[in-house]
Amino acid sequence: MNFQPEIIAWYLINKRELPWRNTSDPYIIWLSEIILQQTRVEQGLPYFNRFLNAFPTVQDFAAASENEVLKLWEGLGYYSRGRNMLHTAKTILEHHEGIFPSQYNTLVTLKGIGDYTAAAISSFAAKESRAVLDGNVFRVLSRYFGIDTPINSPAGKKVFSALADELVQEQDASVYNQAIMEFGALQCKPKSPLCESCPLRPGCFAYNHQQVQNLPVKLKPAAKRVRHFNYFVAEQNGQVLMKQRAAGDVWQQLYDFPLVETTGEHYAVPEEFAQKTAELFGFSPNLRPVINKKHVLTHQIIYVQFFALDNNITNFNTTASFKWLSRAAVAEVPKPNVINDFVKFYLTKL
């Protein structure tokens, strides 16, 4: 079978020059792998550079505050990953003498590092014979070998894991793993794959059976939860009223504006909206609608309405979660994407 040699030969000619490919440092590889989870290389590369510049070593990362990490992470989503990175950096400093491990069995014990990330780091940094399985690899294997078992099912994970483990044997795992991931990203793309120029085309089941667009198979996810957030933007004397979100919900520890959540759009549930707003402020504020946004997360769709608050509320009873912040401070604190966009494009227009 020419599968592995063909992919490696393709890779050596077509691979992108990426900074984490020029090192065997497990810390740098870890940075890239965590940042690039669920993120395209083009989007993730600036984040990687910012993190590496801010934290050149794992010791630097461990010394960071959570706010510093979340601010750098801002815009990537999945903020728990940023928190897990900080936890892992501190663990390495405290329990691994500040030396980032490169062995799979140690890596999987660290917070935020699962099988895929541990396989990637250990194969790239220590050349361990560990197979990686990400979306790109699932797609290439499914199409080439004609596997229609859903990739997100328990049965699918077993089938693909066994095949991936078989294929990595007797290969330079560092080169082969990067090759098959790059092949899926650039050649065997999800849509409009480059089949006509594909070196694997002669042996590809999907191409030869007109199944390219049908593979891989993925079970449909459950319906997303729909929510309605109503944000109130108050600015007085150059300061903006913000709050830090609590644990147990989306965007924990990030900053947003005073909020009431309703069961529907504010104009569709006026009594609920009015009651919750009055409870939040202790009075019925004068509100001016500014903009609506639809914010899509992995498991939720959040419809966001921003209102400018025109009342004078200097004496608002701020708590540990509600604070008056200067515009400069508002720019510096970590915020969800939807809040960050509002601050950048609309706050100055209120």
Protein backbone atom coordinates (compact mmCIF):
# COMPACT_ATOMS: atom_id res chain seq x y z
CA MET A 1 0.00 0.00 0.00
CA ASN A 2 1.39 3.41 -1.01
CA PHE A 3 -0.82 5.45 1.30
CA GLN A 4 1.82 6.67 3.78
CA PRO A 5 4.68 7.20 1.28
CA GLU A 6 2.41 9.17 -1.05
CA ILE A 7 1.15 11.43 1.73
CA ILE A 8 4.66 12.03 3.08
CA ALA A 9 6.00 12.78 -0.41
CA TRP A 10 3.13 15.23 -0.97
CA TYR A 11 3.81 16.87 2.39
CA LEU A 12 7.50 17.44 1.79
CA ILE A 13 6.62 19.39 -1.36
CA ASN A 14 3.44 21.20 -0.26
CA LYS A 15 3.72 21.80 3.49
CA ARG A 16 3.24 25.29 4.87
CA GLU A 17 6.12 26.90 6.72
CA LEU A 18 4.75 27.25 10.25
CA PRO A 19 6.81 28.27 13.29
CA TRP A 20 5.93 25.27 15.42
CA ARG A 21 7.22 22.93 12.70
CA ASN A 22 10.78 24.15 13.19
CA THR A 23 11.09 22.99 16.78
CA SER A 24 10.91 19.90 18.95
CA ASP A 25 10.22 21.99 22.07
CA PRO A 26 7.10 20.42 23.64
CA TYR A 27 6.09 23.74 25.20
CA ILE A 28 5.93 25.52 21.84
CA ILE A 29 4.15 22.57 20.25
CA TRP A 30 1.65 22.54 23.12
CA LEU A 31 0.92 26.24 22.59
CA SER A 32 0.20 25.66 18.92
CA GLU A 33 -1.93 22.57 19.43
CA ILE A 34 -4.18 24.07 22.08
CA ILE A 35 -4.64 27.32 20.18
CA LEU A 36 -5.37 25.53 16.89
CA GLN A 37 -8.05 23.24 18.31
CA GLN A 38 -11.29 24.13 16.49
CA THR A 39 -9.41 27.02 14.81
CA ARG A 40 -8.00 27.45 11.32
CA VAL A 41 -4.26 28.01 11.04
CA GLU A 42 -4.82 31.44 9.47
CA GLN A 43 -6.88 32.52 12.47
CA GLY A 44 -4.74 30.82 15.10
CA LEU A 45 -1.27 31.93 13.93
CA PRO A 46 -1.54 35.52 15.29
CA TYR A 47 -2.70 34.13 18.65
CA PHE A 48 0.22 31.70 18.72
CA ASN A 49 2.66 34.53 18.06
CA ARG A 50 1.09 36.73 20.75
CA PHE A 51 1.20 33.96 23.35
CA LEU A 52 4.79 33.02 22.54
CA ASN A 53 5.88 36.65 22.68
CA ALA A 54 4.12 37.18 26.01
CA PHE A 55 5.22 33.85 27.50
CA PRO A 56 8.46 32.63 25.87
CA THR A 57 8.76 29.82 28.42
CA VAL A 58 6.39 27.73 30.48
CA GLN A 59 7.78 29.53 33.55
CA ASP A 60 6.59 32.84 32.08
CA PHE A 61 3.18 31.34 31.40
CA ALA A 62 2.88 30.00 34.94
CA ALA A 63 3.59 33.48 36.33
CA ALA A 64 0.73 35.07 34.36
CA SER A 65 -2.59 36.12 35.84
CA GLU A 66 -5.84 34.62 34.58
CA ASN A 67 -6.87 38.02 33.24
CA GLU A 68 -3.66 38.26 31.19
CA VAL A 69 -4.26 34.83 29.67
CA LEU A 70 -7.93 35.46 28.92
CA LYS A 71 -7.16 38.83 27.34
CA LEU A 72 -4.67 37.19 24.96
CA TRP A 73 -7.21 34.41 24.33
CA GLU A 74 -10.00 36.90 23.58
CA GLY A 75 -11.82 35.97 20.38
CA LEU A 76 -10.88 32.29 20.26
CA GLY A 77 -13.87 31.06 22.25
CA TYR A 78 -13.73 28.00 24.52
CA TYR A 79 -12.24 30.15 27.28
CA SER A 80 -11.86 27.14 29.55
CA ARG A 81 -8.95 26.11 27.33
CA GLY A 82 -7.07 29.27 28.25
CA ARG A 83 -7.71 28.60 31.93
CA ASN A 84 -6.60 24.98 31.52
CA MET A 85 -3.36 26.18 29.91
CA LEU A 86 -2.61 28.35 32.92
CA HIS A 87 -3.39 25.45 35.26
CA THR A 88 -1.10 23.15 33.27
CA ALA A 89 1.75 25.68 33.23
CA LYS A 90 1.55 26.01 37.02
CA THR A 91 1.42 22.21 37.40
CA ILE A 92 4.57 21.81 35.29
CA LEU A 93 6.35 24.39 37.41
CA GLU A 94 5.26 22.79 40.67
CA HIS A 95 5.43 19.07 39.85
CA HIS A 96 7.73 18.69 36.83
CA GLU A 97 10.58 21.01 37.84
CA GLY A 98 9.53 23.47 35.14
CA ILE A 99 10.34 21.02 32.34
CA PHE A 100 7.50 20.52 29.86
CA PRO A 101 7.04 16.74 29.39
CA SER A 102 7.19 15.17 25.95
CA GLN A 103 6.01 11.64 26.78
CA TYR A 104 2.41 10.68 26.00
CA ASN A 105 1.71 8.94 29.31
CA THR A 106 2.70 12.05 31.27
CA LEU A 107 1.04 14.52 28.93
CA VAL A 108 -2.41 12.94 29.23
CA THR A 109 -2.34 13.54 32.98
CA LEU A 110 -2.21 17.31 32.47
CA LYS A 111 -5.34 19.44 32.44
CA GLY A 112 -6.69 20.21 28.99
CA ILE A 113 -4.50 17.66 27.21
CA GLY A 114 -6.46 14.77 25.74
CA ASP A 115 -5.45 11.83 23.57
CA TYR A 116 -5.10 13.84 20.38
CA THR A 117 -3.00 16.65 21.88
CA ALA A 118 -0.81 14.22 23.79
CA ALA A 119 -0.25 12.16 20.63
CA ALA A 120 0.65 15.28 18.65
CA ILE A 121 3.10 16.63 21.22
CA SER A 122 4.76 13.28 21.93
CA SER A 123 5.14 12.38 18.25
CA PHE A 124 6.41 15.83 17.20
CA ALA A 125 8.68 16.41 20.21
CA ALA A 126 9.83 12.88 21.08
CA LYS A 127 9.00 10.93 17.90
CA GLU A 128 6.79 8.53 19.86
CA SER A 129 4.78 6.26 17.59
CA ARG A 130 1.41 7.79 18.46
CA ALA A 131 -1.30 8.39 15.85
CA VAL A 132 -3.14 11.70 15.77
CA LEU A 133 -6.84 11.85 15.02
CA ASP A 134 -8.27 15.27 14.26
CA GLY A 135 -10.97 16.35 11.80
CA ASN A 136 -8.52 16.39 8.91
CA VAL A 137 -7.30 12.86 9.62
CA PHE A 138 -10.83 11.50 10.06
CA ARG A 139 -11.76 12.94 6.65
CA VAL A 140 -8.75 11.54 4.80
CA LEU A 141 -9.12 8.05 6.29
CA SER A 142 -12.87 7.97 5.79
CA ARG A 143 -12.65 8.90 2.12
CA TYR A 144 -9.63 6.87 1.16
CA PHE A 145 -10.68 3.67 2.93
CA GLY A 146 -14.43 4.11 2.42
CA ILE A 147 -15.43 4.08 6.09
CA ASP A 148 -18.99 5.27 6.65
CA THR A 149 -19.14 4.67 10.41
CA PRO A 150 -19.95 8.08 11.99
CA ILE A 151 -16.74 9.70 13.15
CA ASN A 152 -18.40 11.13 16.28
CA SER A 153 -19.83 7.81 17.44
CA PRO A 154 -18.16 5.42 19.93
CA ALA A 155 -17.96 2.76 17.21
CA GLY A 156 -16.42 5.24 14.79
CA LYS A 157 -13.76 6.33 17.23
CA LYS A 158 -12.74 2.71 17.76
CA VAL A 159 -12.59 1.96 14.03
CA PHE A 160 -10.60 5.05 13.14
CA SER A 161 -8.28 4.80 16.14
CA ALA A 162 -7.37 1.22 15.24
CA LEU A 163 -6.71 2.17 11.62
CA ALA A 164 -4.70 5.26 12.53
CA ASP A 165 -2.58 3.25 14.98
CA GLU A 166 -1.88 0.66 12.28
CA LEU A 167 -0.87 3.26 9.70
CA VAL A 168 1.59 5.10 11.94
CA GLN A 169 3.60 1.97 12.65
CA GLU A 170 7.05 1.85 11.04
CA GLN A 171 6.71 5.52 10.06
CA ASP A 172 8.50 8.58 11.32
CA ALA A 173 5.50 9.59 13.43
CA SER A 174 6.54 13.25 13.55
CA VAL A 175 6.57 13.54 9.75
CA TYR A 176 3.66 11.22 9.01
CA ASN A 177 1.28 12.80 11.54
CA GLN A 178 1.96 16.30 10.27
CA ALA A 179 1.69 15.06 6.69
CA ILE A 180 -1.76 13.51 7.01
CA MET A 181 -3.13 16.52 8.92
CA GLU A 182 -1.73 18.91 6.31
CA PHE A 183 -3.08 16.73 3.51
CA GLY A 184 -6.56 16.97 4.98
CA ALA A 185 -6.26 20.72 5.48
CA LEU A 186 -4.99 21.59 2.00
CA GLN A 187 -5.77 18.73 -0.41
CA CYS A 188 -8.60 16.60 0.94
CA LYS A 189 -10.63 19.59 2.10
CA PRO A 190 -14.16 19.33 3.56
CA LYS A 191 -15.65 21.16 0.57
CA SER A 192 -14.22 21.29 -2.94
CA PRO A 193 -11.36 18.84 -2.30
CA LEU A 194 -8.63 18.87 -4.95
CA CYS A 195 -9.35 15.39 -6.25
CA GLU A 196 -8.06 15.98 -9.77
CA SER A 197 -4.54 16.67 -8.51
CA CYS A 198 -4.62 14.18 -5.63
CA PRO A 199 -1.80 11.61 -5.57
CA LEU A 200 -4.09 9.20 -3.65
CA ARG A 201 -6.85 9.31 -6.25
CA PRO A 202 -6.12 5.87 -7.84
CA GLY A 203 -6.72 4.07 -4.53
CA CYS A 204 -9.32 6.39 -3.02
CA PHE A 205 -12.63 4.63 -2.35
CA ALA A 206 -14.64 7.84 -2.17
CA TYR A 207 -13.34 9.18 -5.48
CA ASN A 208 -13.79 5.92 -7.34
CA HIS A 209 -17.31 5.38 -5.97
CA GLN A 210 -18.54 9.00 -6.22
CA GLN A 211 -18.77 9.29 -2.42
CA VAL A 212 -16.43 12.20 -1.79
CA GLN A 213 -19.19 14.56 -0.68
CA ASN A 214 -20.83 11.88 1.48
CA LEU A 215 -17.80 11.02 3.58
CA PRO A 216 -17.02 11.27 6.39
CA VAL A 217 -20.35 10.58 8.08
CA LYS A 218 -21.12 12.55 11.21
CA LEU A 219 -24.10 12.19 13.53
CA LYS A 220 -26.23 15.33 13.73
CA PRO A 221 -25.75 17.23 16.98
CA ALA A 222 -28.59 17.94 19.35
CA ALA A 223 -30.53 21.15 18.76
CA LYS A 224 -28.79 24.20 20.17
CA ARG A 225 -30.17 26.01 23.19
CA VAL A 226 -31.62 29.42 22.28
CA ARG A 227 -31.16 32.33 24.71
CA HIS A 228 -31.96 36.05 24.77
CA PHE A 229 -29.52 38.46 26.45
CA ASN A 230 -30.46 42.11 27.02
CA TYR A 231 -27.42 44.25 27.80
CA PHE A 232 -27.58 47.73 29.35
CA VAL A 233 -24.76 50.10 28.49
CA ALA A 234 -24.29 52.98 30.93
CA GLU A 235 -21.52 55.56 30.64
CA GLN A 236 -21.00 58.54 32.93
CA ASN A 237 -18.05 60.78 33.61
CA GLY A 238 -15.90 58.76 31.24
CA GLN A 239 -16.64 55.49 33.02
CA VAL A 240 -18.63 52.46 31.87
CA LEU A 241 -20.62 50.10 34.08
CA MET A 242 -19.29 46.54 33.62
CA LYS A 243 -19.58 43.27 35.45
CA GLN A 244 -17.46 40.15 35.73
CA ARG A 245 -19.38 36.99 34.92
CA ALA A 246 -19.61 34.28 37.54
CA ALA A 247 -18.76 30.62 37.14
CA GLY A 248 -21.31 28.10 35.89
CA ASP A 249 -22.31 29.70 32.58
CA VAL A 250 -20.79 30.85 29.31
CA TRP A 251 -17.88 33.31 29.41
CA GLN A 252 -17.12 32.80 33.11
CA GLN A 253 -14.78 35.42 34.59
CA LEU A 254 -15.01 37.54 31.42
CA TYR A 255 -16.46 41.05 31.53
CA ASP A 256 -19.75 42.19 30.03
CA PHE A 257 -22.45 44.78 30.79
CA PRO A 258 -25.38 44.56 33.23
CA LEU A 259 -27.70 41.95 31.80
CA VAL A 260 -31.15 40.48 32.06
CA GLU A 261 -31.96 37.26 30.27
CA THR A 262 -35.50 36.81 28.98
CA THR A 263 -37.40 33.93 27.43
CA GLY A 264 -37.76 35.80 24.13
CA GLU A 265 -37.07 39.08 22.37
CA HIS A 266 -37.76 42.06 24.66
CA TYR A 267 -40.64 43.29 22.50
CA ALA A 268 -42.19 39.79 22.53
CA VAL A 269 -42.08 39.50 26.35
CA PRO A 270 -42.51 43.14 27.46
CA GLU A 271 -43.78 42.41 30.97
CA GLU A 272 -40.97 39.98 31.76
CA PHE A 273 -38.41 42.39 30.29
CA ALA A 274 -39.74 45.37 32.27
CA GLN A 275 -39.94 43.44 35.53
CA LYS A 276 -36.42 42.00 35.34
CA THR A 277 -34.96 45.35 34.27
CA ALA A 278 -36.58 47.16 37.21
CA GLU A 279 -35.33 44.44 39.60
CA LEU A 280 -31.78 44.82 38.28
CA PHE A 281 -31.57 48.60 38.69
CA GLY A 282 -34.13 49.28 41.40
CA PHE A 283 -36.01 51.62 39.05
CA SER A 284 -37.40 51.68 35.52
CA PRO A 285 -34.59 53.06 33.36
CA ASN A 286 -34.90 55.06 30.16
CA LEU A 287 -33.63 52.72 27.47
CA ARG A 288 -32.53 53.38 23.92
CA PRO A 289 -32.07 50.32 21.65
CA VAL A 290 -28.66 50.39 19.95
CA ILE A 291 -28.11 47.15 18.03
CA ASN A 292 -29.12 43.49 17.83
CA LYS A 293 -26.63 40.66 17.41
CA LYS A 294 -26.89 36.92 16.88
CA HIS A 295 -24.02 35.10 18.58
CA VAL A 296 -23.54 31.41 17.74
CA LEU A 297 -21.66 29.13 20.14
CA THR A 298 -21.05 25.40 19.90
CA HIS A 299 -24.12 24.43 21.91
CA GLN A 300 -26.04 27.70 22.12
CA ILE A 301 -27.44 30.49 20.00
CA ILE A 302 -27.60 33.78 21.88
CA TYR A 303 -29.67 36.69 20.57
CA VAL A 304 -28.18 39.84 22.03
CA GLN A 305 -29.85 43.26 22.30
CA PHE A 306 -27.83 46.26 23.46
CA PHE A 307 -29.60 49.19 25.12
CA ALA A 308 -28.10 52.55 26.04
CA LEU A 309 -29.12 53.55 29.55
CA ASP A 310 -29.94 57.26 29.60
CA ASN A 311 -30.76 57.67 33.31
CA ASN A 312 -28.21 59.14 35.69
CA ILE A 313 -27.18 56.15 37.80
CA THR A 314 -23.98 57.36 39.44
CA ASN A 315 -25.22 55.98 42.74
CA PHE A 316 -25.86 52.54 41.36
CA ASN A 317 -25.05 50.05 44.09
CA THR A 318 -22.00 48.34 42.60
CA THR A 319 -20.91 45.01 43.99
CA ALA A 320 -17.87 42.79 43.50
CA SER A 321 -19.25 41.87 40.07
CA PHE A 322 -20.44 45.37 39.00
CA LYS A 323 -17.78 48.03 38.54
CA TRP A 324 -17.36 51.46 36.97
CA LEU A 325 -14.37 51.17 34.65
CA SER A 326 -12.58 53.79 32.62
CA ARG A 327 -12.64 53.39 28.85
CA ALA A 328 -8.98 52.35 28.98
CA ALA A 329 -9.79 49.67 31.56
CA VAL A 330 -12.75 48.46 29.50
CA ALA A 331 -10.40 47.93 26.57
CA GLU A 332 -7.97 45.96 28.71
CA VAL A 333 -10.23 43.52 30.57
CA PRO A 334 -11.02 40.21 28.82
CA LYS A 335 -14.44 40.19 27.14
CA PRO A 336 -16.56 37.82 25.03
CA ASN A 337 -16.38 38.49 21.29
CA VAL A 338 -19.85 40.00 21.12
CA ILE A 339 -18.98 42.51 23.88
CA ASN A 340 -15.57 43.26 22.41
CA ASP A 341 -17.13 44.09 19.05
CA PHE A 342 -19.65 46.40 20.68
CA VAL A 343 -16.93 48.23 22.62
CA LYS A 344 -14.86 48.69 19.46
CA PHE A 345 -17.58 49.81 17.09
CA TYR A 346 -20.50 51.24 19.07
CA LEU A 347 -19.46 52.44 22.52
CA THR A 348 -18.03 55.71 21.21
CA LYS A 349 -21.28 56.42 19.33
CA LEU A 350 -23.60 56.33 22.34
